[in-house]
Amino acid sequence: MSSVISIANLSKTYKGGFKALDGVDLEIERGEIFALLGPNGAGKTTLISIVCGIVTPTSGQVLADGHDIQREYKKARSKIGLVPQEISTDMFEKVIVTVNFSRGLFGKAPDSAYIEQLLKDLSLWDKRDSAIRELSGGMKRRVMIAKALSHEPEILFLDEPTAGVDVELRRDMWRLVSSLRERGVTIILTTHYIEEAEEMADRVGVIRGGEIILVDKTEAIMRKLGKRRLSLTLQEPLESLPAGLGEWSLELADEGHQLLYSFDANEERTGIPTLLRKMTDLGIGFSDLDTAKSSLEDIFVDLVSDNGDGKSAEAAE
């Protein structure tokens, strides 16, 4: 599959010396849903802003559908729609006027049928003649999405699109994303709702400290990095872990009533049978056991919190 976004050795250093991005290389495939995950200050918004032509990079190159975002700005930008985190539009304009105006900014001919369907898809048609300032926060967010899609972009960036919105809008948002993907639109999203990335994204990229530290298919990340956790409900609570169980990575929970053991399910030997026999030898009984798979959120937290020295990554932006 060909790349629709190509990012090579991209760096950005702001005045004062803060380096927001440091040598980012990234290929985003045409027609995929790509989730960019990272803590606050990791560089997500800076990266999106550069690709969308809002921020100028210090060095490196970005191609949008083959067009250099700096040398061929108009051609590159016409391929891209952006739904930013912040709601920024003329609050006194009517909904349909501002959406049509956004379409015209990109040189697109008027298309009342397309705009009507777009507003209907976003439950905005009944509000088309309302001033934006009269709308609820969720409806204003819908207007931002409509503006981003007004010129029929081939690439759509969603920067925290469902943060702080109601359940109905979130459901409509993902229904729209699915329909856009079926039409071949490439979608890049940042989100703190990691379960959405796990469910929707074809691939996930993790950014930390301005560097891309991992890119892979979502299921591959789950397979390679996901762990399972064995939870044992003890018959009698433990105040501390016995020395005889020291060879296993264990922790106590629920005030000593639960014993937790994390293990790699891909390993040939998980150590569970030996652990259970050892517990029997030590007279530690349990009344129930359960296993659970790590979620993408668990993996993400592990990745962004590990600096190689066991310290948490600090937000810098």
Protein backbone atom coordinates (compact mmCIF):
# COMPACT_ATOMS: atom_id res chain seq x y z
CA MET A 1 0.00 0.00 0.00
CA SER A 2 1.34 3.45 -0.93
CA SER A 3 2.04 6.23 1.56
CA VAL A 4 -0.19 9.29 1.52
CA ILE A 5 1.83 11.10 4.22
CA SER A 6 5.63 10.83 4.19
CA ILE A 7 7.58 12.46 7.01
CA ALA A 8 11.38 12.41 6.88
CA ASN A 9 13.82 13.58 9.58
CA LEU A 10 11.35 16.16 10.85
CA SER A 11 12.48 18.40 13.70
CA LYS A 12 11.09 21.48 15.38
CA THR A 13 12.90 23.69 17.88
CA TYR A 14 10.99 26.66 19.30
CA LYS A 15 12.45 29.96 20.41
CA GLY A 16 14.09 29.44 23.75
CA GLY A 17 15.62 26.16 22.65
CA PHE A 18 12.80 23.71 23.36
CA LYS A 19 12.93 20.84 20.88
CA ALA A 20 9.36 19.65 20.29
CA LEU A 21 10.24 17.15 17.56
CA ASP A 22 13.53 15.37 17.04
CA GLY A 23 14.17 13.55 13.76
CA VAL A 24 10.71 12.09 13.21
CA ASP A 25 10.31 9.58 10.36
CA LEU A 26 6.83 8.31 9.64
CA GLU A 27 4.92 6.82 6.72
CA ILE A 28 1.11 6.81 6.83
CA GLU A 29 -0.57 4.52 4.36
CA ARG A 30 -3.37 5.57 2.05
CA GLY A 31 -6.81 4.64 3.37
CA GLU A 32 -5.75 3.58 6.87
CA ILE A 33 -6.81 4.81 10.29
CA PHE A 34 -3.64 5.75 12.16
CA ALA A 35 -3.71 6.58 15.87
CA LEU A 36 -0.97 8.75 17.31
CA LEU A 37 -0.64 8.25 21.04
CA GLY A 38 1.52 10.07 23.55
CA PRO A 39 1.39 11.97 26.84
CA ASN A 40 0.78 15.70 27.04
CA GLY A 41 3.83 17.50 25.71
CA ALA A 42 5.04 14.54 23.63
CA GLY A 43 4.82 16.48 20.34
CA LYS A 44 1.53 15.22 18.90
CA THR A 45 -0.01 18.62 18.22
CA THR A 46 3.26 20.05 16.88
CA LEU A 47 3.57 17.16 14.44
CA ILE A 48 -0.01 17.57 13.22
CA SER A 49 0.39 21.35 12.96
CA ILE A 50 3.46 20.98 10.75
CA VAL A 51 1.80 18.47 8.44
CA CYS A 52 -1.21 20.79 8.14
CA GLY A 53 0.99 23.78 7.33
CA ILE A 54 0.24 25.71 10.52
CA VAL A 55 3.72 25.45 12.04
CA THR A 56 7.00 25.69 10.10
CA PRO A 57 9.50 22.90 10.81
CA THR A 58 13.10 23.61 11.71
CA SER A 59 14.27 20.84 9.39
CA GLY A 60 13.00 17.81 7.52
CA GLN A 61 10.38 17.19 4.87
CA VAL A 62 6.67 16.40 4.78
CA LEU A 63 4.84 15.18 1.68
CA ALA A 64 1.05 15.09 1.53
CA ASP A 65 -0.10 12.91 -1.37
CA GLY A 66 3.26 13.60 -3.01
CA HIS A 67 3.16 17.40 -2.51
CA ASP A 68 5.77 19.12 -0.35
CA ILE A 69 3.91 20.89 2.45
CA GLN A 70 6.22 23.92 2.19
CA ARG A 71 7.05 24.23 -1.51
CA GLU A 72 3.58 23.21 -2.72
CA TYR A 73 1.54 24.49 0.17
CA LYS A 74 -1.80 25.03 -1.61
CA LYS A 75 -1.80 21.65 -3.35
CA ALA A 76 -0.74 19.84 -0.18
CA ARG A 77 -3.16 21.67 2.09
CA SER A 78 -6.09 21.07 -0.28
CA LYS A 79 -5.69 17.35 0.40
CA ILE A 80 -5.99 17.79 4.17
CA GLY A 81 -8.85 18.42 6.58
CA LEU A 82 -8.12 19.29 10.21
CA VAL A 83 -10.35 19.12 13.25
CA PRO A 84 -8.32 20.93 15.95
CA GLN A 85 -8.69 20.54 19.69
CA GLU A 86 -9.88 24.10 20.17
CA ILE A 87 -13.14 25.42 18.73
CA SER A 88 -12.17 28.46 16.64
CA THR A 89 -14.66 29.96 14.20
CA ASP A 90 -16.84 33.03 13.74
CA MET A 91 -19.47 32.54 16.43
CA PHE A 92 -21.92 34.98 14.80
CA GLU A 93 -22.02 33.16 11.45
CA LYS A 94 -24.75 30.69 10.57
CA VAL A 95 -23.71 27.06 10.43
CA ILE A 96 -24.35 26.57 6.72
CA VAL A 97 -22.63 29.85 5.84
CA THR A 98 -19.41 29.02 7.66
CA VAL A 99 -19.27 25.48 6.22
CA ASN A 100 -19.83 26.75 2.68
CA PHE A 101 -17.21 29.45 3.26
CA SER A 102 -14.66 26.83 4.35
CA ARG A 103 -15.33 24.88 1.17
CA GLY A 104 -14.78 28.01 -0.92
CA LEU A 105 -11.45 28.73 0.79
CA PHE A 106 -10.05 25.64 -0.88
CA GLY A 107 -11.31 26.65 -4.32
CA LYS A 108 -14.08 24.07 -4.40
CA ALA A 109 -17.19 24.87 -6.42
CA PRO A 110 -20.45 25.11 -4.44
CA ASP A 111 -22.16 21.77 -3.92
CA SER A 112 -25.38 22.12 -1.97
CA ALA A 113 -26.17 18.40 -2.12
CA TYR A 114 -22.80 17.45 -0.58
CA ILE A 115 -23.06 20.07 2.17
CA GLU A 116 -26.62 19.02 2.97
CA GLN A 117 -25.62 15.37 3.33
CA LEU A 118 -22.57 16.33 5.42
CA LEU A 119 -24.69 18.36 7.83
CA LYS A 120 -27.25 15.57 8.04
CA ASP A 121 -24.50 13.03 8.82
CA LEU A 122 -23.42 15.26 11.71
CA SER A 123 -27.00 15.94 12.92
CA LEU A 124 -26.54 19.62 12.00
CA TRP A 125 -29.09 20.01 9.23
CA ASP A 126 -31.81 21.23 11.56
CA LYS A 127 -29.34 23.79 12.94
CA ARG A 128 -28.08 25.01 9.57
CA ASP A 129 -29.56 28.50 9.95
CA SER A 130 -28.54 28.89 13.60
CA ALA A 131 -25.70 31.17 14.65
CA ILE A 132 -22.81 29.10 15.96
CA ARG A 133 -22.81 31.01 19.25
CA GLU A 134 -26.30 29.68 19.95
CA LEU A 135 -25.18 26.04 19.78
CA SER A 136 -24.13 23.73 22.59
CA GLY A 137 -20.50 22.74 22.97
CA GLY A 138 -21.14 19.39 21.31
CA MET A 139 -22.87 21.01 18.35
CA LYS A 140 -20.01 23.49 17.95
CA ARG A 141 -17.64 20.52 17.78
CA ARG A 142 -19.82 19.05 15.02
CA VAL A 143 -19.48 22.33 13.11
CA MET A 144 -15.68 22.07 13.32
CA ILE A 145 -15.86 18.58 11.85
CA ALA A 146 -18.16 19.80 9.07
CA LYS A 147 -15.75 22.65 8.24
CA ALA A 148 -12.84 20.19 8.06
CA LEU A 149 -14.77 17.95 5.66
CA SER A 150 -16.33 20.74 3.59
CA HIS A 151 -13.73 20.53 0.79
CA GLU A 152 -13.81 16.71 0.58
CA PRO A 153 -10.23 16.10 1.78
CA GLU A 154 -8.42 12.82 1.14
CA ILE A 155 -6.60 13.07 4.48
CA LEU A 156 -8.33 13.95 7.75
CA PHE A 157 -6.56 14.87 10.99
CA LEU A 158 -8.58 14.58 14.20
CA ASP A 159 -6.75 16.13 17.16
CA GLU A 160 -8.46 14.79 20.29
CA PRO A 161 -11.81 14.81 18.46
CA THR A 162 -13.95 13.30 21.21
CA ALA A 163 -12.32 14.91 24.25
CA GLY A 164 -15.02 16.37 26.46
CA VAL A 165 -17.91 15.56 24.13
CA ASP A 166 -21.07 13.66 24.89
CA VAL A 167 -21.63 9.99 24.17
CA GLU A 168 -23.97 10.71 21.26
CA LEU A 169 -21.41 12.85 19.45
CA ARG A 170 -18.69 10.30 20.07
CA ARG A 171 -20.89 7.60 18.54
CA ASP A 172 -21.75 9.81 15.54
CA MET A 173 -18.08 10.70 15.17
CA TRP A 174 -16.92 7.12 14.88
CA ARG A 175 -19.78 6.23 12.56
CA LEU A 176 -18.65 9.08 10.31
CA VAL A 177 -15.02 7.95 10.55
CA SER A 178 -16.03 4.46 9.44
CA SER A 179 -17.94 5.80 6.44
CA LEU A 180 -15.05 8.07 5.44
CA ARG A 181 -12.63 5.17 5.65
CA GLU A 182 -14.91 3.13 3.36
CA ARG A 183 -14.62 5.99 0.82
CA GLY A 184 -10.83 5.81 0.97
CA VAL A 185 -10.14 8.78 3.24
CA THR A 186 -6.98 8.43 5.33
CA ILE A 187 -7.62 9.31 8.98
CA ILE A 188 -4.98 10.27 11.54
CA LEU A 189 -6.19 10.80 15.07
CA THR A 190 -4.78 11.63 18.45
CA THR A 191 -6.82 10.53 21.41
CA HIS A 192 -6.70 9.96 25.14
CA TYR A 193 -9.53 7.44 24.78
CA ILE A 194 -7.16 4.59 24.12
CA GLU A 195 -9.94 2.05 23.86
CA GLU A 196 -11.08 3.94 20.76
CA ALA A 197 -7.64 3.63 19.19
CA GLU A 198 -7.58 -0.06 20.04
CA GLU A 199 -10.97 -0.60 18.41
CA MET A 200 -10.68 1.73 15.39
CA ALA A 201 -7.04 2.06 14.34
CA ASP A 202 -5.25 -0.14 11.83
CA ARG A 203 -1.88 1.02 13.17
CA VAL A 204 -0.66 2.85 16.24
CA GLY A 205 2.30 5.19 16.62
CA VAL A 206 3.62 6.17 20.03
CA ILE A 207 5.45 9.47 20.43
CA ARG A 208 7.46 10.45 23.50
CA GLY A 209 9.74 13.44 23.99
CA GLY A 210 9.40 14.46 20.35
CA GLU A 211 10.47 11.06 19.03
CA ILE A 212 8.45 8.24 17.51
CA ILE A 213 9.33 5.25 19.68
CA LEU A 214 7.02 2.65 18.17
CA VAL A 215 4.87 2.15 15.06
CA ASP A 216 3.08 -1.10 14.35
CA LYS A 217 -0.26 -2.68 13.59
CA THR A 218 -2.56 -2.53 16.57
CA GLU A 219 -2.95 -6.28 16.85
CA ALA A 220 0.82 -6.77 16.47
CA ILE A 221 1.47 -4.42 19.38
CA MET A 222 -1.03 -6.31 21.47
CA ARG A 223 0.57 -9.62 20.50
CA LYS A 224 4.19 -8.56 20.99
CA LEU A 225 3.88 -6.33 24.01
CA GLY A 226 0.67 -7.48 25.65
CA LYS A 227 0.94 -9.45 28.82
CA ARG A 228 -1.56 -11.47 30.77
CA ARG A 229 -2.24 -11.14 34.47
CA LEU A 230 -3.17 -13.99 36.76
CA SER A 231 -5.29 -12.91 39.71
CA LEU A 232 -5.59 -15.29 42.67
CA THR A 233 -8.19 -14.64 45.35
CA LEU A 234 -6.59 -15.85 48.58
CA GLN A 235 -8.45 -17.75 51.27
CA GLU A 236 -6.52 -15.84 53.93
CA PRO A 237 -5.01 -12.36 53.35
CA LEU A 238 -1.23 -11.91 53.33
CA GLU A 239 0.47 -9.00 55.03
CA SER A 240 3.53 -9.37 52.79
CA LEU A 241 4.90 -11.64 50.09
CA PRO A 242 6.64 -14.75 51.47
CA ALA A 243 10.33 -15.07 50.64
CA GLY A 244 9.58 -18.45 49.08
CA LEU A 245 7.74 -16.72 46.23
CA GLY A 246 10.58 -14.36 45.43
CA GLU A 247 11.41 -15.84 42.02
CA TRP A 248 8.04 -14.69 40.59
CA SER A 249 7.07 -11.09 39.84
CA LEU A 250 4.16 -10.84 42.24
CA GLU A 251 2.22 -8.11 43.96
CA LEU A 252 -0.48 -7.99 46.59
CA ALA A 253 -3.76 -6.17 46.07
CA ASP A 254 -7.09 -5.67 47.83
CA GLU A 255 -5.44 -5.39 51.25
CA GLY A 256 -3.66 -8.71 50.81
CA HIS A 257 -6.69 -10.66 49.61
CA GLN A 258 -5.43 -10.89 46.02
CA LEU A 259 -2.14 -12.12 44.59
CA LEU A 260 -1.31 -10.78 41.11
CA TYR A 261 1.16 -12.35 38.69
CA SER A 262 2.02 -10.79 35.31
CA PHE A 263 3.42 -13.09 32.64
CA ASP A 264 4.10 -13.25 28.91
CA ALA A 265 1.53 -15.53 27.35
CA ASN A 266 3.82 -16.05 24.33
CA GLU A 267 6.50 -17.70 26.44
CA GLU A 268 6.63 -21.48 26.32
CA ARG A 269 6.76 -21.63 30.10
CA THR A 270 4.67 -19.14 32.03
CA GLY A 271 5.74 -20.36 35.48
CA ILE A 272 2.13 -20.67 36.64
CA PRO A 273 2.11 -24.43 37.45
CA THR A 274 5.30 -24.08 39.49
CA LEU A 275 3.89 -21.03 41.28
CA LEU A 276 0.71 -22.86 42.24
CA ARG A 277 2.66 -25.86 43.54
CA LYS A 278 4.91 -23.56 45.56
CA MET A 279 1.88 -21.83 47.07
CA THR A 280 0.50 -25.23 48.11
CA ASP A 281 3.84 -26.13 49.70
CA LEU A 282 3.74 -22.86 51.67
CA GLY A 283 0.15 -23.45 52.76
CA ILE A 284 -1.22 -20.48 50.81
CA GLY A 285 -4.69 -21.39 49.60
CA PHE A 286 -6.83 -19.60 47.04
CA SER A 287 -10.54 -19.72 46.35
CA ASP A 288 -10.62 -18.34 42.81
CA LEU A 289 -8.33 -17.43 39.93
CA ASP A 290 -8.75 -15.38 36.79
CA THR A 291 -6.59 -14.18 33.90
CA ALA A 292 -6.90 -10.98 31.91
CA LYS A 293 -5.11 -9.66 28.83
CA SER A 294 -3.29 -6.33 28.89
CA SER A 295 -5.13 -3.57 27.08
CA LEU A 296 -3.51 -1.12 24.67
CA GLU A 297 -3.75 1.40 27.52
CA ASP A 298 -1.58 -0.80 29.76
CA ILE A 299 1.00 -1.09 26.97
CA PHE A 300 0.90 2.64 26.28
CA VAL A 301 1.45 3.55 29.93
CA ASP A 302 4.42 1.19 30.11
CA LEU A 303 5.98 2.65 26.96
CA VAL A 304 5.64 6.33 27.81
CA SER A 305 6.62 5.95 31.46
CA ASP A 306 9.88 4.11 30.77
CA ASN A 307 12.81 6.44 30.12
CA GLY A 308 15.35 3.71 30.36
CA ASP A 309 16.16 4.66 33.93
CA GLY A 310 12.81 3.78 35.49
CA LYS A 311 11.75 7.44 35.71
CA SER A 312 8.58 8.84 34.24
CA ALA A 313 8.72 10.94 31.12
CA GLU A 314 8.04 14.59 31.87
CA ALA A 315 5.72 16.65 29.71
CA ALA A 316 7.72 19.41 28.09
CA GLU A 317 5.35 21.33 25.89
